[in-house]
Amino acid sequence: MSRAPPGPLPSARRALAALGLALPVMAAPWHGSKSTDELTRAFYDLEVTAYCGLANAAVRAGFEREIARLKARDDVDEASLERARTQAWKEAHLEWQNRGLGGFRSWCRSEGRAAAERFTRAGSD
């Protein structure tokens, strides 16, 4: 009894294999120019405040002010803003997932609180 050589992977298995190759790239932090890194950090910090329930009007105003300052200083285009926003969301979401059940509380006490305080100060300047 001879076996036929294996054919192409079924589409679901092929998709999983491709995803397995893409995940390390998707999860890796993206670093661009200094201004892009600062934009990504601002968006990341806003995401953290949202996950932690700290994104109030004062935090949002400070975030908007910081983004406006970075855009004016570095003449940032919409594509760069979108890349920074997307990367920040990925990084914040992965961090939240990595914290596990209840583990996000220390994240909120440290990074979340620091981000909220920074944005609140920026909004009142």
N, C-alpha and C. Protein backbone atom coordinates (compact mmCIF):
# COMPACT_ATOMS: atom_id res chain seq x y z
N MET A 1 0.83 -1.17 0.00
CA MET A 1 0.00 0.00 0.00
C MET A 1 0.88 1.24 0.00
N SER A 2 0.84 1.97 -1.05
CA SER A 2 1.67 3.17 -1.11
C SER A 2 0.82 4.39 -0.77
N ARG A 3 1.45 5.29 -0.08
CA ARG A 3 0.78 6.53 0.29
C ARG A 3 1.10 7.60 -0.73
N ALA A 4 0.12 8.41 -1.00
CA ALA A 4 0.33 9.53 -1.91
C ALA A 4 1.08 10.62 -1.16
N PRO A 5 1.90 11.37 -1.85
CA PRO A 5 2.60 12.46 -1.18
C PRO A 5 1.58 13.47 -0.63
N PRO A 6 1.93 14.10 0.48
CA PRO A 6 0.97 15.05 1.06
C PRO A 6 0.69 16.19 0.10
N GLY A 7 -0.56 16.56 0.03
CA GLY A 7 -0.97 17.66 -0.83
C GLY A 7 -0.85 18.97 -0.08
N PRO A 8 -1.39 20.00 -0.67
CA PRO A 8 -1.34 21.30 0.00
C PRO A 8 -2.13 21.26 1.30
N LEU A 9 -1.73 22.09 2.23
CA LEU A 9 -2.45 22.16 3.50
C LEU A 9 -3.86 22.64 3.27
N PRO A 10 -4.81 22.12 4.02
CA PRO A 10 -6.16 22.68 3.94
C PRO A 10 -6.11 24.17 4.30
N SER A 11 -7.05 24.92 3.79
CA SER A 11 -7.00 26.38 3.95
C SER A 11 -6.94 26.82 5.41
N ALA A 12 -7.65 26.16 6.30
CA ALA A 12 -7.62 26.55 7.71
C ALA A 12 -6.23 26.33 8.30
N ARG A 13 -5.63 25.20 7.99
CA ARG A 13 -4.28 24.93 8.50
C ARG A 13 -3.28 25.89 7.90
N ARG A 14 -3.44 26.23 6.63
CA ARG A 14 -2.56 27.18 5.97
C ARG A 14 -2.67 28.56 6.64
N ALA A 15 -3.91 28.97 6.95
CA ALA A 15 -4.12 30.26 7.60
C ALA A 15 -3.49 30.28 8.98
N LEU A 16 -3.63 29.19 9.73
CA LEU A 16 -3.00 29.12 11.06
C LEU A 16 -1.48 29.16 10.97
N ALA A 17 -0.94 28.49 9.97
CA ALA A 17 0.51 28.51 9.80
C ALA A 17 0.99 29.93 9.49
N ALA A 18 0.26 30.63 8.64
CA ALA A 18 0.63 32.01 8.30
C ALA A 18 0.51 32.91 9.52
N LEU A 19 -0.53 32.71 10.30
CA LEU A 19 -0.71 33.51 11.51
C LEU A 19 0.42 33.26 12.49
N GLY A 20 0.84 32.00 12.60
CA GLY A 20 1.95 31.67 13.49
C GLY A 20 3.23 32.38 13.10
N LEU A 21 3.42 32.59 11.81
CA LEU A 21 4.59 33.31 11.35
C LEU A 21 4.44 34.81 11.54
N ALA A 22 3.22 35.32 11.47
CA ALA A 22 2.98 36.76 11.55
C ALA A 22 2.92 37.27 12.99
N LEU A 23 2.49 36.44 13.93
CA LEU A 23 2.31 36.92 15.30
C LEU A 23 3.57 37.52 15.92
N PRO A 24 4.73 36.90 15.79
CA PRO A 24 5.91 37.54 16.37
C PRO A 24 6.18 38.92 15.80
N VAL A 25 5.90 39.11 14.52
CA VAL A 25 6.10 40.41 13.90
C VAL A 25 5.07 41.40 14.41
N MET A 26 3.81 40.95 14.53
CA MET A 26 2.74 41.83 15.00
C MET A 26 2.96 42.24 16.45
N ALA A 27 3.50 41.34 17.26
CA ALA A 27 3.67 41.63 18.67
C ALA A 27 4.93 42.44 18.97
N ALA A 28 5.85 42.44 18.05
CA ALA A 28 7.11 43.16 18.29
C ALA A 28 6.86 44.66 18.33
N PRO A 29 7.46 45.35 19.28
CA PRO A 29 7.29 46.80 19.32
C PRO A 29 7.80 47.44 18.05
N TRP A 30 7.10 48.44 17.60
CA TRP A 30 7.49 49.16 16.39
C TRP A 30 8.12 50.46 16.82
N HIS A 31 9.30 50.71 16.32
CA HIS A 31 9.99 51.94 16.66
C HIS A 31 10.35 52.68 15.39
N GLY A 32 9.95 53.90 15.33
CA GLY A 32 10.26 54.73 14.18
C GLY A 32 11.12 55.88 14.64
N SER A 33 10.78 57.06 14.18
CA SER A 33 11.51 58.26 14.57
C SER A 33 11.17 58.62 16.02
N LYS A 34 11.90 59.57 16.55
CA LYS A 34 11.64 60.02 17.92
C LYS A 34 10.21 60.51 18.06
N SER A 35 9.74 61.30 17.08
CA SER A 35 8.38 61.82 17.17
C SER A 35 7.35 60.69 17.10
N THR A 36 7.61 59.68 16.26
CA THR A 36 6.69 58.55 16.16
C THR A 36 6.66 57.77 17.47
N ASP A 37 7.83 57.57 18.07
CA ASP A 37 7.88 56.89 19.36
C ASP A 37 7.11 57.67 20.42
N GLU A 38 7.23 58.98 20.41
CA GLU A 38 6.49 59.80 21.38
C GLU A 38 4.99 59.74 21.13
N LEU A 39 4.60 59.75 19.86
CA LEU A 39 3.18 59.61 19.53
C LEU A 39 2.65 58.25 19.99
N THR A 40 3.41 57.20 19.69
CA THR A 40 3.00 55.86 20.09
C THR A 40 2.86 55.78 21.60
N ARG A 41 3.80 56.38 22.32
CA ARG A 41 3.73 56.36 23.79
C ARG A 41 2.48 57.10 24.28
N ALA A 42 2.16 58.23 23.68
CA ALA A 42 0.97 58.98 24.10
C ALA A 42 -0.29 58.16 23.86
N PHE A 43 -0.40 57.55 22.68
CA PHE A 43 -1.57 56.72 22.40
C PHE A 43 -1.62 55.50 23.32
N TYR A 44 -0.46 54.89 23.57
CA TYR A 44 -0.38 53.74 24.49
C TYR A 44 -0.87 54.16 25.87
N ASP A 45 -0.36 55.28 26.36
CA ASP A 45 -0.76 55.74 27.70
C ASP A 45 -2.25 56.02 27.77
N LEU A 46 -2.83 56.58 26.70
CA LEU A 46 -4.27 56.80 26.70
C LEU A 46 -5.01 55.46 26.76
N GLU A 47 -4.53 54.47 26.01
CA GLU A 47 -5.15 53.14 26.06
C GLU A 47 -5.08 52.55 27.46
N VAL A 48 -3.93 52.71 28.12
CA VAL A 48 -3.80 52.18 29.47
C VAL A 48 -4.80 52.86 30.40
N THR A 49 -4.94 54.18 30.30
CA THR A 49 -5.91 54.87 31.16
C THR A 49 -7.32 54.36 30.87
N ALA A 50 -7.62 54.04 29.61
CA ALA A 50 -8.94 53.52 29.27
C ALA A 50 -9.15 52.13 29.88
N TYR A 51 -8.16 51.25 29.74
CA TYR A 51 -8.27 49.90 30.32
C TYR A 51 -8.46 49.99 31.84
N CYS A 52 -7.86 51.00 32.45
CA CYS A 52 -7.89 51.12 33.91
C CYS A 52 -9.05 51.96 34.42
N GLY A 53 -9.89 52.46 33.53
CA GLY A 53 -11.02 53.28 33.95
C GLY A 53 -10.62 54.67 34.41
N LEU A 54 -9.51 55.17 33.93
CA LEU A 54 -8.99 56.47 34.37
C LEU A 54 -9.10 57.55 33.29
N ALA A 55 -9.68 57.22 32.15
CA ALA A 55 -9.74 58.16 31.02
C ALA A 55 -10.95 59.08 31.18
N ASN A 56 -10.79 60.11 31.97
CA ASN A 56 -11.86 61.09 32.16
C ASN A 56 -11.62 62.29 31.23
N ALA A 57 -12.44 63.32 31.37
CA ALA A 57 -12.34 64.50 30.49
C ALA A 57 -10.99 65.20 30.63
N ALA A 58 -10.47 65.29 31.84
CA ALA A 58 -9.18 65.97 32.05
C ALA A 58 -8.05 65.18 31.40
N VAL A 59 -8.09 63.86 31.50
CA VAL A 59 -7.07 63.00 30.88
C VAL A 59 -7.15 63.15 29.36
N ARG A 60 -8.36 63.11 28.84
CA ARG A 60 -8.54 63.23 27.38
C ARG A 60 -8.06 64.59 26.87
N ALA A 61 -8.34 65.66 27.63
CA ALA A 61 -7.90 67.00 27.23
C ALA A 61 -6.37 67.08 27.21
N GLY A 62 -5.74 66.49 28.21
CA GLY A 62 -4.28 66.48 28.26
C GLY A 62 -3.68 65.67 27.13
N PHE A 63 -4.31 64.55 26.81
CA PHE A 63 -3.86 63.73 25.69
C PHE A 63 -3.96 64.52 24.38
N GLU A 64 -5.10 65.15 24.16
CA GLU A 64 -5.29 65.94 22.94
C GLU A 64 -4.26 67.06 22.84
N ARG A 65 -3.96 67.67 23.97
CA ARG A 65 -2.96 68.75 23.98
C ARG A 65 -1.57 68.22 23.64
N GLU A 66 -1.23 67.06 24.19
CA GLU A 66 0.07 66.46 23.91
C GLU A 66 0.19 66.07 22.44
N ILE A 67 -0.85 65.49 21.87
CA ILE A 67 -0.84 65.11 20.46
C ILE A 67 -0.71 66.36 19.59
N ALA A 68 -1.44 67.40 19.91
CA ALA A 68 -1.36 68.66 19.14
C ALA A 68 0.05 69.24 19.20
N ARG A 69 0.68 69.17 20.38
CA ARG A 69 2.04 69.67 20.53
C ARG A 69 3.02 68.88 19.66
N LEU A 70 2.89 67.56 19.68
CA LEU A 70 3.79 66.71 18.89
C LEU A 70 3.56 66.92 17.40
N LYS A 71 2.29 67.05 17.00
CA LYS A 71 1.99 67.28 15.58
C LYS A 71 2.57 68.61 15.11
N ALA A 72 2.44 69.64 15.92
CA ALA A 72 2.96 70.96 15.54
C ALA A 72 4.49 70.97 15.51
N ARG A 73 5.10 70.34 16.48
CA ARG A 73 6.55 70.33 16.57
C ARG A 73 7.19 69.57 15.41
N ASP A 74 6.60 68.45 15.04
CA ASP A 74 7.24 67.55 14.08
C ASP A 74 6.53 67.45 12.74
N ASP A 75 5.49 68.24 12.52
CA ASP A 75 4.75 68.21 11.26
C ASP A 75 4.36 66.78 10.89
N VAL A 76 3.60 66.14 11.77
CA VAL A 76 3.23 64.74 11.63
C VAL A 76 2.06 64.60 10.66
N ASP A 77 2.16 63.63 9.76
CA ASP A 77 1.07 63.40 8.82
C ASP A 77 0.07 62.37 9.40
N GLU A 78 -1.07 62.26 8.74
CA GLU A 78 -2.14 61.36 9.22
C GLU A 78 -1.71 59.90 9.20
N ALA A 79 -0.91 59.50 8.23
CA ALA A 79 -0.46 58.11 8.16
C ALA A 79 0.40 57.76 9.37
N SER A 80 1.27 58.68 9.78
CA SER A 80 2.11 58.44 10.96
C SER A 80 1.26 58.37 12.22
N LEU A 81 0.25 59.22 12.30
CA LEU A 81 -0.66 59.18 13.45
C LEU A 81 -1.37 57.83 13.52
N GLU A 82 -1.84 57.36 12.38
CA GLU A 82 -2.56 56.09 12.36
C GLU A 82 -1.65 54.92 12.71
N ARG A 83 -0.42 54.93 12.22
CA ARG A 83 0.53 53.86 12.57
C ARG A 83 0.81 53.87 14.07
N ALA A 84 1.02 55.06 14.63
CA ALA A 84 1.29 55.17 16.07
C ALA A 84 0.09 54.70 16.88
N ARG A 85 -1.09 55.10 16.46
CA ARG A 85 -2.33 54.71 17.16
C ARG A 85 -2.51 53.20 17.12
N THR A 86 -2.31 52.61 15.96
CA THR A 86 -2.47 51.16 15.80
C THR A 86 -1.45 50.39 16.61
N GLN A 87 -0.20 50.81 16.55
CA GLN A 87 0.85 50.14 17.30
C GLN A 87 0.60 50.25 18.80
N ALA A 88 0.20 51.41 19.24
CA ALA A 88 -0.07 51.62 20.67
C ALA A 88 -1.21 50.72 21.14
N TRP A 89 -2.26 50.62 20.34
CA TRP A 89 -3.38 49.77 20.72
C TRP A 89 -2.92 48.32 20.85
N LYS A 90 -2.13 47.85 19.87
CA LYS A 90 -1.62 46.47 19.91
C LYS A 90 -0.80 46.24 21.17
N GLU A 91 0.12 47.16 21.45
CA GLU A 91 0.99 47.00 22.62
C GLU A 91 0.19 47.02 23.92
N ALA A 92 -0.76 47.93 24.03
CA ALA A 92 -1.57 48.01 25.26
C ALA A 92 -2.44 46.77 25.42
N HIS A 93 -3.03 46.33 24.34
CA HIS A 93 -3.88 45.14 24.41
C HIS A 93 -3.07 43.90 24.78
N LEU A 94 -1.90 43.74 24.17
CA LEU A 94 -1.05 42.60 24.52
C LEU A 94 -0.62 42.66 25.98
N GLU A 95 -0.28 43.85 26.44
CA GLU A 95 0.12 43.99 27.85
C GLU A 95 -1.02 43.63 28.77
N TRP A 96 -2.21 44.10 28.45
CA TRP A 96 -3.38 43.78 29.26
C TRP A 96 -3.61 42.27 29.29
N GLN A 97 -3.50 41.62 28.13
CA GLN A 97 -3.66 40.16 28.07
C GLN A 97 -2.58 39.44 28.87
N ASN A 98 -1.36 39.94 28.82
CA ASN A 98 -0.25 39.30 29.52
C ASN A 98 -0.39 39.39 31.03
N ARG A 99 -1.14 40.35 31.51
CA ARG A 99 -1.28 40.54 32.95
C ARG A 99 -2.12 39.45 33.61
N GLY A 100 -2.97 38.79 32.87
CA GLY A 100 -3.77 37.72 33.43
C GLY A 100 -4.91 38.25 34.29
N LEU A 101 -5.65 37.32 34.81
CA LEU A 101 -6.83 37.64 35.61
C LEU A 101 -6.44 38.41 36.87
N GLY A 102 -6.82 39.65 36.92
CA GLY A 102 -6.53 40.48 38.08
C GLY A 102 -5.14 41.08 38.10
N GLY A 103 -4.26 40.61 37.24
CA GLY A 103 -2.89 41.12 37.23
C GLY A 103 -2.76 42.53 36.70
N PHE A 104 -3.82 43.00 36.05
CA PHE A 104 -3.78 44.35 35.50
C PHE A 104 -3.86 45.41 36.59
N ARG A 105 -4.25 45.05 37.80
CA ARG A 105 -4.40 46.05 38.87
C ARG A 105 -3.09 46.78 39.16
N SER A 106 -1.98 46.05 39.22
CA SER A 106 -0.70 46.70 39.47
C SER A 106 -0.30 47.57 38.28
N TRP A 107 -0.65 47.15 37.07
CA TRP A 107 -0.42 47.92 35.85
C TRP A 107 -1.16 49.25 35.95
N CYS A 108 -2.38 49.20 36.41
CA CYS A 108 -3.19 50.41 36.56
C CYS A 108 -2.63 51.32 37.65
N ARG A 109 -2.17 50.72 38.74
CA ARG A 109 -1.60 51.53 39.84
C ARG A 109 -0.31 52.21 39.42
N SER A 110 0.45 51.56 38.55
CA SER A 110 1.74 52.15 38.14
C SER A 110 1.58 52.93 36.84
N GLU A 111 1.55 52.24 35.71
CA GLU A 111 1.50 52.93 34.41
C GLU A 111 0.21 53.72 34.21
N GLY A 112 -0.91 53.15 34.60
CA GLY A 112 -2.19 53.83 34.40
C GLY A 112 -2.28 55.14 35.17
N ARG A 113 -1.93 55.08 36.43
CA ARG A 113 -1.99 56.29 37.26
C ARG A 113 -0.99 57.34 36.77
N ALA A 114 0.23 56.92 36.44
CA ALA A 114 1.25 57.87 35.96
C ALA A 114 0.80 58.55 34.66
N ALA A 115 0.20 57.78 33.75
CA ALA A 115 -0.28 58.35 32.49
C ALA A 115 -1.41 59.33 32.75
N ALA A 116 -2.34 58.96 33.61
CA ALA A 116 -3.48 59.85 33.91
C ALA A 116 -2.99 61.15 34.54
N GLU A 117 -2.04 61.06 35.45
CA GLU A 117 -1.50 62.27 36.09
C GLU A 117 -0.76 63.15 35.07
N ARG A 118 0.01 62.52 34.19
CA ARG A 118 0.74 63.29 33.17
C ARG A 118 -0.22 64.01 32.24
N PHE A 119 -1.24 63.31 31.76
CA PHE A 119 -2.20 63.94 30.86
C PHE A 119 -2.99 65.04 31.57
N THR A 120 -3.33 64.81 32.83
CA THR A 120 -4.09 65.82 33.58
C THR A 120 -3.25 67.09 33.72
N ARG A 121 -1.96 66.92 34.02
CA ARG A 121 -1.07 68.09 34.10
C ARG A 121 -0.95 68.80 32.76
N ALA A 122 -0.81 68.01 31.69
CA ALA A 122 -0.68 68.59 30.34
C ALA A 122 -1.93 69.36 29.94
N GLY A 123 -3.07 68.91 30.39
CA GLY A 123 -4.32 69.57 30.06
C GLY A 123 -4.54 70.86 30.81
N SER A 124 -3.84 71.02 31.93
CA SER A 124 -4.03 72.24 32.73
C SER A 124 -2.94 73.27 32.51
N ASP A 125 -1.94 72.93 31.68
CA ASP A 125 -0.85 73.87 31.40
C ASP A 125 -1.32 75.03 30.55
